[in-house]
């Protein structure tokens, strides 16, 4: 499938939501690093797989019907104004790693930041390309 064929109506909204999601996640991951030495700190994370499944379903629906359908999940709620809210969860795996080995914990958080940054850059580039295509048509 040609990737540019996905860049149609409503895809800008999905890309914007993806960028906002990655910004929220970035803030959480940075707090996980900043608070490494805070006694009894419990690292947080947001449900990346839940969000990914939600976006996949929205894209599938958009391809089939040209409609954008975003549904609420346990940790992600959408509002009628186009905004959304993400509820962070306790990251038990990171908490155990933090208790065991600070260096490995930091490495995990930094790797998550890199992954998140890559997702944000891809979304930003696709949004930029969509805007350029739109601008060149007018």
N, C-alpha and C. Protein backbone atom coordinates (compact mmCIF):
# COMPACT_ATOMS: atom_id res chain seq x y z
N UNK A 1 0.84 -1.18 0.00
CA UNK A 1 0.00 0.00 0.00
C UNK A 1 0.89 1.24 0.00
N UNK A 2 0.54 2.20 -0.79
CA UNK A 2 1.26 3.47 -0.87
C UNK A 2 0.92 4.30 0.37
N UNK A 3 1.95 4.70 1.11
CA UNK A 3 1.74 5.43 2.35
C UNK A 3 1.00 6.74 2.11
N UNK A 4 1.26 7.40 1.00
CA UNK A 4 0.60 8.67 0.75
C UNK A 4 -0.90 8.49 0.52
N UNK A 5 -1.33 7.27 0.18
CA UNK A 5 -2.76 7.05 0.02
C UNK A 5 -3.48 7.15 1.36
N UNK A 6 -2.75 6.95 2.47
CA UNK A 6 -3.36 7.09 3.79
C UNK A 6 -3.50 8.55 4.20
N UNK A 7 -2.73 9.42 3.56
CA UNK A 7 -2.75 10.83 3.92
C UNK A 7 -3.90 11.50 3.19
N UNK A 8 -5.06 11.32 3.74
CA UNK A 8 -6.28 11.88 3.17
C UNK A 8 -7.03 12.60 4.28
N UNK A 9 -8.27 12.96 4.01
CA UNK A 9 -9.07 13.66 5.02
C UNK A 9 -9.01 12.94 6.36
N UNK A 10 -9.02 13.69 7.43
CA UNK A 10 -9.02 13.24 8.81
C UNK A 10 -7.68 12.69 9.28
N UNK A 11 -6.77 12.38 8.37
CA UNK A 11 -5.49 11.85 8.79
C UNK A 11 -4.69 12.92 9.55
N UNK A 12 -4.87 14.18 9.19
CA UNK A 12 -4.20 15.25 9.94
C UNK A 12 -4.60 15.19 11.41
N UNK A 13 -5.85 14.92 11.66
CA UNK A 13 -6.33 14.83 13.04
C UNK A 13 -5.66 13.66 13.77
N UNK A 14 -5.53 12.53 13.11
CA UNK A 14 -4.87 11.38 13.72
C UNK A 14 -3.41 11.70 14.01
N UNK A 15 -2.74 12.33 13.05
CA UNK A 15 -1.33 12.68 13.25
C UNK A 15 -1.16 13.69 14.37
N UNK A 16 -2.07 14.64 14.47
CA UNK A 16 -2.02 15.62 15.56
C UNK A 16 -2.23 14.94 16.90
N UNK A 17 -3.16 14.01 16.97
CA UNK A 17 -3.40 13.26 18.21
C UNK A 17 -2.16 12.45 18.56
N UNK A 18 -1.54 11.83 17.56
CA UNK A 18 -0.32 11.07 17.81
C UNK A 18 0.79 11.97 18.36
N UNK A 19 0.92 13.14 17.80
CA UNK A 19 1.94 14.07 18.29
C UNK A 19 1.65 14.50 19.73
N UNK A 20 0.38 14.77 20.04
CA UNK A 20 0.02 15.15 21.40
C UNK A 20 0.28 13.99 22.37
N UNK A 21 -0.06 12.77 21.95
CA UNK A 21 0.16 11.59 22.78
C UNK A 21 1.65 11.44 23.10
N UNK A 22 2.50 11.61 22.09
CA UNK A 22 3.94 11.46 22.31
C UNK A 22 4.48 12.58 23.21
N UNK A 23 3.88 13.76 23.14
CA UNK A 23 4.30 14.86 24.04
C UNK A 23 3.95 14.52 25.49
N UNK A 24 2.76 13.97 25.70
CA UNK A 24 2.35 13.56 27.05
C UNK A 24 3.29 12.48 27.57
N UNK A 25 3.57 11.50 26.72
CA UNK A 25 4.45 10.40 27.13
C UNK A 25 5.86 10.92 27.43
N UNK A 26 6.33 11.85 26.64
CA UNK A 26 7.67 12.41 26.86
C UNK A 26 7.76 13.04 28.24
N UNK A 27 6.74 13.82 28.62
CA UNK A 27 6.75 14.45 29.94
C UNK A 27 6.79 13.40 31.05
N UNK A 28 6.04 12.32 30.89
CA UNK A 28 6.01 11.26 31.91
C UNK A 28 7.37 10.58 32.00
N UNK A 29 7.95 10.26 30.85
CA UNK A 29 9.25 9.57 30.85
C UNK A 29 10.35 10.45 31.45
N UNK A 30 10.29 11.74 31.15
CA UNK A 30 11.28 12.66 31.74
C UNK A 30 11.12 12.70 33.26
N UNK A 31 9.88 12.71 33.74
CA UNK A 31 9.66 12.68 35.19
C UNK A 31 10.19 11.39 35.80
N UNK A 32 10.07 10.29 35.05
CA UNK A 32 10.61 9.01 35.54
C UNK A 32 12.12 9.09 35.73
N UNK A 33 12.79 9.85 34.88
CA UNK A 33 14.24 10.01 35.00
C UNK A 33 14.59 11.00 36.10
N UNK A 34 13.90 12.12 36.12
CA UNK A 34 14.18 13.16 37.11
C UNK A 34 14.00 12.64 38.53
N UNK A 35 13.02 11.79 38.74
CA UNK A 35 12.68 11.33 40.09
C UNK A 35 13.38 10.04 40.50
N UNK A 36 14.44 9.67 39.81
CA UNK A 36 15.12 8.40 40.07
C UNK A 36 15.57 8.26 41.52
N UNK A 37 15.94 9.35 42.16
CA UNK A 37 16.45 9.29 43.53
C UNK A 37 15.42 9.69 44.59
N UNK A 38 14.18 9.86 44.18
CA UNK A 38 13.12 10.20 45.14
C UNK A 38 12.68 8.91 45.83
N UNK A 39 12.76 8.89 47.16
CA UNK A 39 12.35 7.68 47.88
C UNK A 39 10.90 7.30 47.57
N UNK A 40 10.69 6.02 47.36
CA UNK A 40 9.36 5.44 47.10
C UNK A 40 8.70 5.97 45.83
N UNK A 41 9.50 6.54 44.92
CA UNK A 41 8.95 6.99 43.64
C UNK A 41 8.49 5.78 42.84
N UNK A 42 7.33 5.91 42.24
CA UNK A 42 6.80 4.85 41.37
C UNK A 42 6.72 5.40 39.95
N UNK A 43 7.49 4.82 39.03
CA UNK A 43 7.46 5.28 37.64
C UNK A 43 6.07 5.09 37.02
N UNK A 44 5.75 6.00 36.11
CA UNK A 44 4.49 5.92 35.38
C UNK A 44 4.77 5.65 33.90
N UNK A 45 3.76 5.25 33.22
CA UNK A 45 3.82 5.04 31.77
C UNK A 45 2.40 5.24 31.26
N UNK A 46 2.26 5.38 29.98
CA UNK A 46 0.92 5.39 29.40
C UNK A 46 0.81 4.18 28.50
N UNK A 47 -0.41 3.74 28.29
CA UNK A 47 -0.67 2.50 27.56
C UNK A 47 -0.44 2.71 26.06
N UNK A 48 0.80 2.48 25.64
CA UNK A 48 1.17 2.68 24.24
C UNK A 48 0.44 1.69 23.34
N UNK A 49 0.36 0.42 23.76
CA UNK A 49 -0.32 -0.59 22.94
C UNK A 49 -1.81 -0.27 22.80
N UNK A 50 -2.42 0.17 23.87
CA UNK A 50 -3.84 0.55 23.85
C UNK A 50 -4.06 1.69 22.85
N UNK A 51 -3.16 2.68 22.89
CA UNK A 51 -3.26 3.81 21.98
C UNK A 51 -3.01 3.38 20.54
N UNK A 52 -2.03 2.53 20.34
CA UNK A 52 -1.71 2.03 19.00
C UNK A 52 -2.89 1.27 18.40
N UNK A 53 -3.51 0.42 19.20
CA UNK A 53 -4.68 -0.33 18.72
C UNK A 53 -5.83 0.61 18.38
N UNK A 54 -6.01 1.62 19.20
CA UNK A 54 -7.06 2.61 18.96
C UNK A 54 -6.82 3.32 17.62
N UNK A 55 -5.59 3.75 17.37
CA UNK A 55 -5.27 4.43 16.10
C UNK A 55 -5.39 3.48 14.92
N UNK A 56 -4.95 2.24 15.07
CA UNK A 56 -5.10 1.27 13.98
C UNK A 56 -6.57 1.08 13.61
N UNK A 57 -7.42 0.96 14.62
CA UNK A 57 -8.85 0.82 14.36
C UNK A 57 -9.41 2.07 13.67
N UNK A 58 -8.97 3.25 14.11
CA UNK A 58 -9.44 4.50 13.50
C UNK A 58 -9.01 4.58 12.03
N UNK A 59 -7.78 4.19 11.75
CA UNK A 59 -7.29 4.23 10.36
C UNK A 59 -8.03 3.21 9.51
N UNK A 60 -8.25 2.01 10.05
CA UNK A 60 -9.02 0.99 9.31
C UNK A 60 -10.41 1.50 8.98
N UNK A 61 -11.07 2.12 9.95
CA UNK A 61 -12.41 2.66 9.73
C UNK A 61 -12.37 3.78 8.70
N UNK A 62 -11.35 4.61 8.77
CA UNK A 62 -11.22 5.72 7.82
C UNK A 62 -11.03 5.19 6.40
N UNK A 63 -10.22 4.16 6.24
CA UNK A 63 -10.00 3.58 4.92
C UNK A 63 -11.30 3.01 4.35
N UNK A 64 -12.08 2.36 5.21
CA UNK A 64 -13.33 1.73 4.77
C UNK A 64 -14.44 2.74 4.49
N UNK A 65 -14.55 3.75 5.34
CA UNK A 65 -15.74 4.61 5.28
C UNK A 65 -15.44 6.10 5.13
N UNK A 66 -14.17 6.46 5.11
CA UNK A 66 -13.76 7.88 5.08
C UNK A 66 -14.24 8.65 6.29
N UNK A 67 -14.55 7.94 7.37
CA UNK A 67 -14.95 8.58 8.63
C UNK A 67 -13.86 8.34 9.66
N UNK A 68 -13.67 9.30 10.52
CA UNK A 68 -12.72 9.14 11.62
C UNK A 68 -13.50 8.78 12.87
N UNK A 69 -13.26 7.60 13.39
CA UNK A 69 -13.94 7.13 14.58
C UNK A 69 -12.90 6.86 15.66
N UNK A 70 -12.94 7.65 16.70
CA UNK A 70 -12.05 7.47 17.85
C UNK A 70 -12.92 7.11 19.04
N UNK A 71 -12.61 6.02 19.68
CA UNK A 71 -13.42 5.56 20.80
C UNK A 71 -12.62 5.62 22.09
N UNK A 72 -13.35 5.75 23.20
CA UNK A 72 -12.71 5.76 24.51
C UNK A 72 -12.25 4.36 24.87
N UNK A 73 -11.15 4.30 25.60
CA UNK A 73 -10.66 3.06 26.16
C UNK A 73 -10.55 3.26 27.67
N UNK A 74 -10.03 2.27 28.33
CA UNK A 74 -9.92 2.36 29.78
C UNK A 74 -9.07 3.56 30.22
N UNK A 75 -8.00 3.86 29.47
CA UNK A 75 -7.06 4.89 29.88
C UNK A 75 -7.01 6.11 28.96
N UNK A 76 -7.80 6.11 27.91
CA UNK A 76 -7.80 7.21 26.95
C UNK A 76 -9.25 7.64 26.71
N UNK A 77 -9.51 8.91 26.93
CA UNK A 77 -10.87 9.45 26.76
C UNK A 77 -10.82 10.61 25.78
N UNK A 78 -11.74 10.60 24.83
CA UNK A 78 -11.83 11.67 23.83
C UNK A 78 -12.98 12.60 24.17
N UNK A 79 -12.81 13.87 23.82
CA UNK A 79 -13.81 14.89 24.09
C UNK A 79 -14.42 15.38 22.78
N UNK A 80 -15.60 15.95 22.86
CA UNK A 80 -16.29 16.42 21.65
C UNK A 80 -15.56 17.55 20.95
N UNK A 81 -14.70 18.28 21.68
CA UNK A 81 -13.96 19.39 21.05
C UNK A 81 -12.70 18.92 20.32
N UNK A 82 -12.48 17.60 20.27
CA UNK A 82 -11.31 17.05 19.58
C UNK A 82 -10.15 16.75 20.50
N UNK A 83 -10.24 17.19 21.74
CA UNK A 83 -9.17 16.91 22.69
C UNK A 83 -9.29 15.51 23.26
N UNK A 84 -8.32 15.13 24.03
CA UNK A 84 -8.37 13.83 24.69
C UNK A 84 -7.55 13.87 25.97
N UNK A 85 -7.77 12.87 26.80
CA UNK A 85 -7.08 12.76 28.07
C UNK A 85 -6.51 11.35 28.18
N UNK A 86 -5.30 11.27 28.70
CA UNK A 86 -4.64 9.98 28.89
C UNK A 86 -4.36 9.81 30.38
N UNK A 87 -4.77 8.69 30.93
CA UNK A 87 -4.51 8.39 32.33
C UNK A 87 -3.25 7.54 32.43
N UNK A 88 -2.20 8.06 33.06
CA UNK A 88 -0.99 7.25 33.24
C UNK A 88 -1.26 6.07 34.16
N UNK A 89 -0.48 5.03 33.98
CA UNK A 89 -0.57 3.84 34.83
C UNK A 89 0.76 3.65 35.53
N UNK A 90 0.74 2.89 36.61
CA UNK A 90 1.98 2.55 37.29
C UNK A 90 2.75 1.58 36.41
N UNK A 91 4.03 1.83 36.23
CA UNK A 91 4.90 0.99 35.42
C UNK A 91 5.63 0.03 36.35
N UNK A 92 5.00 -1.10 36.60
CA UNK A 92 5.53 -2.08 37.55
C UNK A 92 6.89 -2.63 37.12
N UNK A 93 7.06 -2.88 35.84
CA UNK A 93 8.35 -3.39 35.33
C UNK A 93 9.46 -2.38 35.63
N UNK A 94 9.20 -1.11 35.36
CA UNK A 94 10.21 -0.08 35.63
C UNK A 94 10.46 0.08 37.12
N UNK A 95 9.42 -0.04 37.92
CA UNK A 95 9.59 0.09 39.37
C UNK A 95 10.51 -1.00 39.90
N UNK A 96 10.29 -2.23 39.45
CA UNK A 96 11.14 -3.34 39.88
C UNK A 96 12.58 -3.14 39.42
N UNK A 97 12.73 -2.66 38.21
CA UNK A 97 14.07 -2.41 37.68
C UNK A 97 14.76 -1.28 38.45
N UNK A 98 14.01 -0.25 38.81
CA UNK A 98 14.55 0.86 39.59
C UNK A 98 15.07 0.37 40.94
N UNK A 99 14.34 -0.52 41.56
CA UNK A 99 14.76 -1.06 42.85
C UNK A 99 16.02 -1.93 42.70
N UNK A 100 16.13 -2.58 41.58
CA UNK A 100 17.22 -3.53 41.36
C UNK A 100 18.50 -2.87 40.85
N UNK A 101 18.36 -1.99 39.83
CA UNK A 101 19.55 -1.47 39.17
C UNK A 101 19.23 -0.12 38.52
N UNK A 102 19.75 0.95 39.10
CA UNK A 102 19.48 2.30 38.59
C UNK A 102 19.96 2.49 37.16
N UNK A 103 21.12 1.93 36.83
CA UNK A 103 21.66 2.10 35.48
C UNK A 103 20.76 1.46 34.43
N UNK A 104 20.30 0.25 34.70
CA UNK A 104 19.41 -0.43 33.76
C UNK A 104 18.07 0.30 33.66
N UNK A 105 17.60 0.81 34.79
CA UNK A 105 16.36 1.59 34.79
C UNK A 105 16.51 2.83 33.90
N UNK A 106 17.61 3.55 34.08
CA UNK A 106 17.85 4.74 33.25
C UNK A 106 17.95 4.37 31.77
N UNK A 107 18.61 3.29 31.47
CA UNK A 107 18.73 2.84 30.09
C UNK A 107 17.35 2.55 29.49
N UNK A 108 16.50 1.89 30.25
CA UNK A 108 15.14 1.60 29.78
C UNK A 108 14.37 2.89 29.51
N UNK A 109 14.43 3.84 30.44
CA UNK A 109 13.69 5.09 30.27
C UNK A 109 14.22 5.88 29.07
N UNK A 110 15.53 5.90 28.89
CA UNK A 110 16.12 6.61 27.75
C UNK A 110 15.72 5.93 26.44
N UNK A 111 15.71 4.61 26.42
CA UNK A 111 15.26 3.89 25.21
C UNK A 111 13.80 4.20 24.89
N UNK A 112 12.98 4.29 25.92
CA UNK A 112 11.58 4.67 25.70
C UNK A 112 11.48 6.08 25.14
N UNK A 113 12.32 6.98 25.65
CA UNK A 113 12.33 8.36 25.14
C UNK A 113 12.74 8.38 23.67
N UNK A 114 13.74 7.60 23.30
CA UNK A 114 14.17 7.54 21.89
C UNK A 114 13.05 7.02 21.00
N UNK A 115 12.40 5.95 21.43
CA UNK A 115 11.29 5.39 20.67
C UNK A 115 10.17 6.42 20.51
N UNK A 116 9.85 7.07 21.61
CA UNK A 116 8.80 8.08 21.60
C UNK A 116 9.15 9.23 20.67
N UNK A 117 10.40 9.67 20.72
CA UNK A 117 10.87 10.75 19.87
C UNK A 117 10.76 10.37 18.40
N UNK A 118 11.11 9.15 18.07
CA UNK A 118 10.99 8.68 16.69
C UNK A 118 9.54 8.70 16.23
N UNK A 119 8.63 8.23 17.07
CA UNK A 119 7.20 8.26 16.72
C UNK A 119 6.72 9.68 16.48
N UNK A 120 7.19 10.61 17.32
CA UNK A 120 6.78 12.00 17.17
C UNK A 120 7.34 12.60 15.88
N UNK A 121 8.59 12.27 15.55
CA UNK A 121 9.18 12.79 14.31
C UNK A 121 8.48 12.25 13.08
N UNK A 122 8.12 10.98 13.09
CA UNK A 122 7.40 10.38 11.95
C UNK A 122 6.06 11.08 11.77
N UNK A 123 5.32 11.26 12.86
CA UNK A 123 4.02 11.93 12.77
C UNK A 123 4.18 13.36 12.26
N UNK A 124 5.18 14.06 12.76
CA UNK A 124 5.40 15.45 12.32
C UNK A 124 5.75 15.50 10.84
N UNK A 125 6.58 14.57 10.37
CA UNK A 125 6.96 14.56 8.96
C UNK A 125 5.77 14.22 8.07
N UNK A 126 4.96 13.26 8.47
CA UNK A 126 3.77 12.92 7.68
C UNK A 126 2.80 14.09 7.64
N UNK A 127 2.63 14.77 8.75
CA UNK A 127 1.75 15.94 8.79
C UNK A 127 2.29 17.04 7.89
N UNK A 128 3.59 17.25 7.92
CA UNK A 128 4.22 18.25 7.05
C UNK A 128 3.99 17.89 5.57
N UNK A 129 4.19 16.62 5.22
CA UNK A 129 3.98 16.19 3.83
C UNK A 129 2.53 16.38 3.42
N UNK A 130 1.62 16.07 4.31
CA UNK A 130 0.20 16.24 3.98
C UNK A 130 -0.11 17.71 3.74
N UNK A 131 0.43 18.59 4.56
CA UNK A 131 0.19 20.02 4.39
C UNK A 131 0.79 20.52 3.09
N UNK A 132 1.96 20.00 2.72
CA UNK A 132 2.59 20.41 1.45
C UNK A 132 1.76 19.95 0.26
N UNK A 133 1.22 18.74 0.31
CA UNK A 133 0.35 18.23 -0.75
C UNK A 133 -0.90 19.09 -0.86
N UNK A 134 -1.48 19.40 0.31
CA UNK A 134 -2.68 20.23 0.34
C UNK A 134 -2.39 21.61 -0.24
N UNK A 135 -1.26 22.22 0.16
CA UNK A 135 -0.89 23.56 -0.31
C UNK A 135 -0.62 23.58 -1.81
N UNK A 136 -0.02 22.53 -2.32
CA UNK A 136 0.30 22.50 -3.76
C UNK A 136 -0.94 22.31 -4.62
N UNK A 137 -2.03 21.82 -4.04
CA UNK A 137 -3.28 21.65 -4.79
C UNK A 137 -4.06 22.95 -4.88
N UNK A 138 -3.65 23.96 -4.13
CA UNK A 138 -4.40 25.22 -4.15
C UNK A 138 -3.54 26.36 -4.61
